[in-house]
Protein backbone atom coordinates (compact mmCIF):
# COMPACT_ATOMS: atom_id res chain seq x y z
CA UNK A 1 5.06 21.94 23.23
CA UNK A 2 6.88 23.48 26.14
CA UNK A 3 10.42 22.77 27.25
CA UNK A 4 11.17 22.67 30.95
CA UNK A 5 14.65 22.77 32.39
CA UNK A 6 15.00 20.61 35.47
CA UNK A 7 17.81 22.34 37.36
CA UNK A 8 18.20 19.71 40.08
CA UNK A 9 19.03 16.88 37.71
CA UNK A 10 20.44 18.81 34.78
CA UNK A 11 17.98 17.19 32.35
CA UNK A 12 15.68 18.84 29.86
CA UNK A 13 12.16 17.42 29.87
CA UNK A 14 9.43 17.98 27.32
CA UNK A 15 5.87 18.61 28.38
CA UNK A 16 2.90 18.10 26.13
CA UNK A 17 2.77 16.11 22.90
CA UNK A 18 6.06 14.67 21.76
CA UNK A 19 7.09 13.69 18.30
CA UNK A 20 7.91 10.03 17.70
CA UNK A 21 11.57 10.89 17.17
CA UNK A 22 11.82 12.43 20.64
CA UNK A 23 10.43 9.33 22.36
CA UNK A 24 13.00 6.93 20.89
CA UNK A 25 16.01 5.85 22.96
CA UNK A 26 19.37 7.44 22.12
CA UNK A 27 20.85 4.21 20.72
CA UNK A 28 17.97 3.77 18.27
CA UNK A 29 18.24 7.41 17.18
CA UNK A 30 21.92 6.90 16.36
CA UNK A 31 21.17 3.86 14.19
CA UNK A 32 18.36 5.61 12.32
CA UNK A 33 20.42 8.76 11.76
CA UNK A 34 23.48 6.80 10.73
CA UNK A 35 22.10 4.59 7.99
CA UNK A 36 18.44 3.68 8.03
CA UNK A 37 16.82 6.95 7.04
CA UNK A 38 18.98 7.66 3.99
CA UNK A 39 18.79 4.11 2.62
CA UNK A 40 15.03 3.77 3.11
CA UNK A 41 14.34 7.15 1.49
CA UNK A 42 16.61 6.22 -1.41
CA UNK A 43 14.74 2.93 -1.91
CA UNK A 44 11.31 4.52 -1.85
CA UNK A 45 12.27 7.32 -4.26
CA UNK A 46 14.64 5.39 -6.54
CA UNK A 47 12.40 5.76 -9.62
CA UNK A 48 12.42 9.55 -9.23
CA UNK A 49 16.18 9.70 -8.67
CA UNK A 50 17.32 7.63 -11.66
CA UNK A 51 14.38 7.91 -14.05
CA UNK A 52 12.14 5.27 -15.61
CA UNK A 53 14.71 3.87 -18.07
CA UNK A 54 17.42 3.18 -15.52
CA UNK A 55 14.91 2.11 -12.86
CA UNK A 56 14.27 -1.08 -14.86
CA UNK A 57 17.94 -2.10 -14.93
CA UNK A 58 19.30 -1.13 -11.51
CA UNK A 59 18.51 -0.91 -7.80
CA UNK A 60 20.40 0.29 -4.69
CA UNK A 61 21.98 -2.51 -2.70
CA UNK A 62 23.61 -0.85 0.33
CA UNK A 63 24.59 2.53 1.68
CA UNK A 64 27.85 3.04 3.55
CA UNK A 65 28.04 6.24 5.55
CA UNK A 66 31.18 8.36 5.65
CA UNK A 67 33.72 8.00 8.40
CA UNK A 68 37.31 9.11 8.98
CA UNK A 69 38.61 6.47 6.56
CA UNK A 70 36.22 6.79 3.62
CA UNK A 71 33.48 8.76 1.96
CA UNK A 72 29.78 7.96 1.89
CA UNK A 73 29.11 5.40 -0.85
CA UNK A 74 25.95 4.04 -2.43
CA UNK A 75 26.37 0.58 -3.96
CA UNK A 76 24.05 0.00 -6.92
CA UNK A 77 23.32 -3.35 -8.60
CA UNK A 78 23.18 -3.03 -12.42
CA UNK A 79 22.09 -5.58 -15.02
CA UNK A 80 24.93 -6.76 -17.20
CA UNK A 81 25.12 -4.71 -20.38
CA UNK A 82 23.79 -1.48 -18.86
CA UNK A 83 26.92 -0.47 -16.93
CA UNK A 84 27.91 2.14 -19.53
CA UNK A 85 24.52 3.86 -19.28
CA UNK A 86 24.86 4.03 -15.52
CA UNK A 87 28.42 5.35 -15.77
CA UNK A 88 27.30 8.19 -18.04
CA UNK A 89 24.44 9.14 -15.72
CA UNK A 90 26.51 8.86 -12.51
CA UNK A 91 26.87 12.65 -12.10
CA UNK A 92 23.13 13.23 -12.60
CA UNK A 93 22.26 10.57 -10.02
CA UNK A 94 24.63 12.11 -7.46
CA UNK A 95 23.20 15.59 -8.07
CA UNK A 96 19.59 14.38 -7.80
CA UNK A 97 20.25 12.45 -4.59
CA UNK A 98 22.04 15.35 -2.93
CA UNK A 99 19.37 17.84 -3.99
CA UNK A 100 16.62 15.42 -2.84
CA UNK A 101 18.05 15.23 0.68
CA UNK A 102 19.15 18.89 0.74
CA UNK A 103 22.77 18.22 1.62
CA UNK A 104 25.69 16.15 0.36
CA UNK A 105 24.55 12.65 1.30
CA UNK A 106 26.39 10.54 -1.27
CA UNK A 107 29.87 11.36 -2.51
CA UNK A 108 30.57 8.19 -4.50
CA UNK A 109 28.57 5.63 -6.49
CA UNK A 110 29.84 2.09 -6.91
CA UNK A 111 28.29 -0.24 -9.49
CA UNK A 112 28.13 -4.03 -9.29
CA UNK A 113 26.81 -5.91 -12.30
CA UNK A 114 24.65 -9.04 -12.15
CA UNK A 115 23.13 -11.48 -14.63
CA UNK A 116 19.38 -11.44 -14.98
CA UNK A 117 18.96 -14.78 -16.70
CA UNK A 118 15.75 -16.47 -15.75
CA UNK A 119 15.73 -20.15 -16.53
CA UNK A 120 12.47 -21.25 -18.12
CA UNK A 121 11.71 -24.93 -17.64
CA UNK A 122 10.06 -26.84 -20.41
CA UNK A 123 7.84 -29.86 -19.98
CA UNK A 124 10.69 -32.14 -21.01
CA UNK A 125 12.67 -31.07 -17.92
CA UNK A 126 9.75 -31.83 -15.64
CA UNK A 127 9.36 -35.36 -17.00
CA UNK A 128 11.01 -37.69 -14.46
CA UNK A 129 11.71 -40.81 -16.48
CA UNK A 130 15.01 -41.48 -18.27
CA UNK A 131 16.91 -39.15 -16.01
CA UNK A 132 19.45 -41.67 -14.73
CA UNK A 133 21.32 -44.36 -16.55
CA UNK A 134 19.13 -47.43 -17.16
CA UNK A 135 20.95 -49.75 -14.74
CA UNK A 136 20.50 -47.23 -11.90
CA UNK A 137 16.95 -46.44 -13.00
CA UNK A 138 15.92 -50.05 -12.43
CA UNK A 139 17.44 -50.04 -8.94
CA UNK A 140 15.68 -46.77 -8.10
CA UNK A 141 12.35 -48.21 -9.29
CA UNK A 142 12.84 -51.23 -6.97
CA UNK A 143 12.84 -48.96 -3.90
CA UNK A 144 9.53 -49.43 -2.09
CA UNK A 145 9.41 -46.15 -0.12
CA UNK A 146 7.92 -43.38 -2.29
CA UNK A 147 9.72 -40.52 -0.55
CA UNK A 148 13.13 -42.15 -0.91
CA UNK A 149 12.43 -43.03 -4.56
CA UNK A 150 11.45 -39.43 -5.37
CA UNK A 151 14.47 -38.01 -3.57
CA UNK A 152 16.79 -40.36 -5.47
CA UNK A 153 15.23 -39.24 -8.77
CA UNK A 154 15.78 -35.60 -7.76
CA UNK A 155 19.40 -36.42 -6.87
CA UNK A 156 20.00 -37.98 -10.29
CA UNK A 157 18.52 -34.83 -11.90
CA UNK A 158 21.09 -32.68 -10.11
CA UNK A 159 23.95 -34.93 -11.27
CA UNK A 160 22.54 -34.95 -14.80
CA UNK A 161 22.58 -31.14 -14.97
CA UNK A 162 26.22 -31.00 -13.93
């Protein structure tokens, strides 16, 4: 690749094959350099950064780049009950991330816990009869339109759960 200085216009043009990064507009380059590259690399290499044990209980949510008001922060979602494990390994995660990128990318880790309860429905829950009170059940059964009848049954299920 050969660089050519255009003295009349003051621009630098590139002759020959160009890399993809050089063909992008300046605005897109700023967005990619600001946030996209670091977050996408962190997502794709998260198992390597935290290890197999912590990979099962956490994942990166967002990355906030540093500015004049704050430091660069990685927000990590952690399953409830595993916050202490993450807190103890915080320093190792920071060191691995910064060594992975080659410079100080992340200065602070913030953890947010979440519940991982998955509701398993039994066959009793799927059974539609006896959901509403009997006097309303008879009125619902008198409705001739099938779609309206089914939607009313679904509505009574929601009220029953609350």
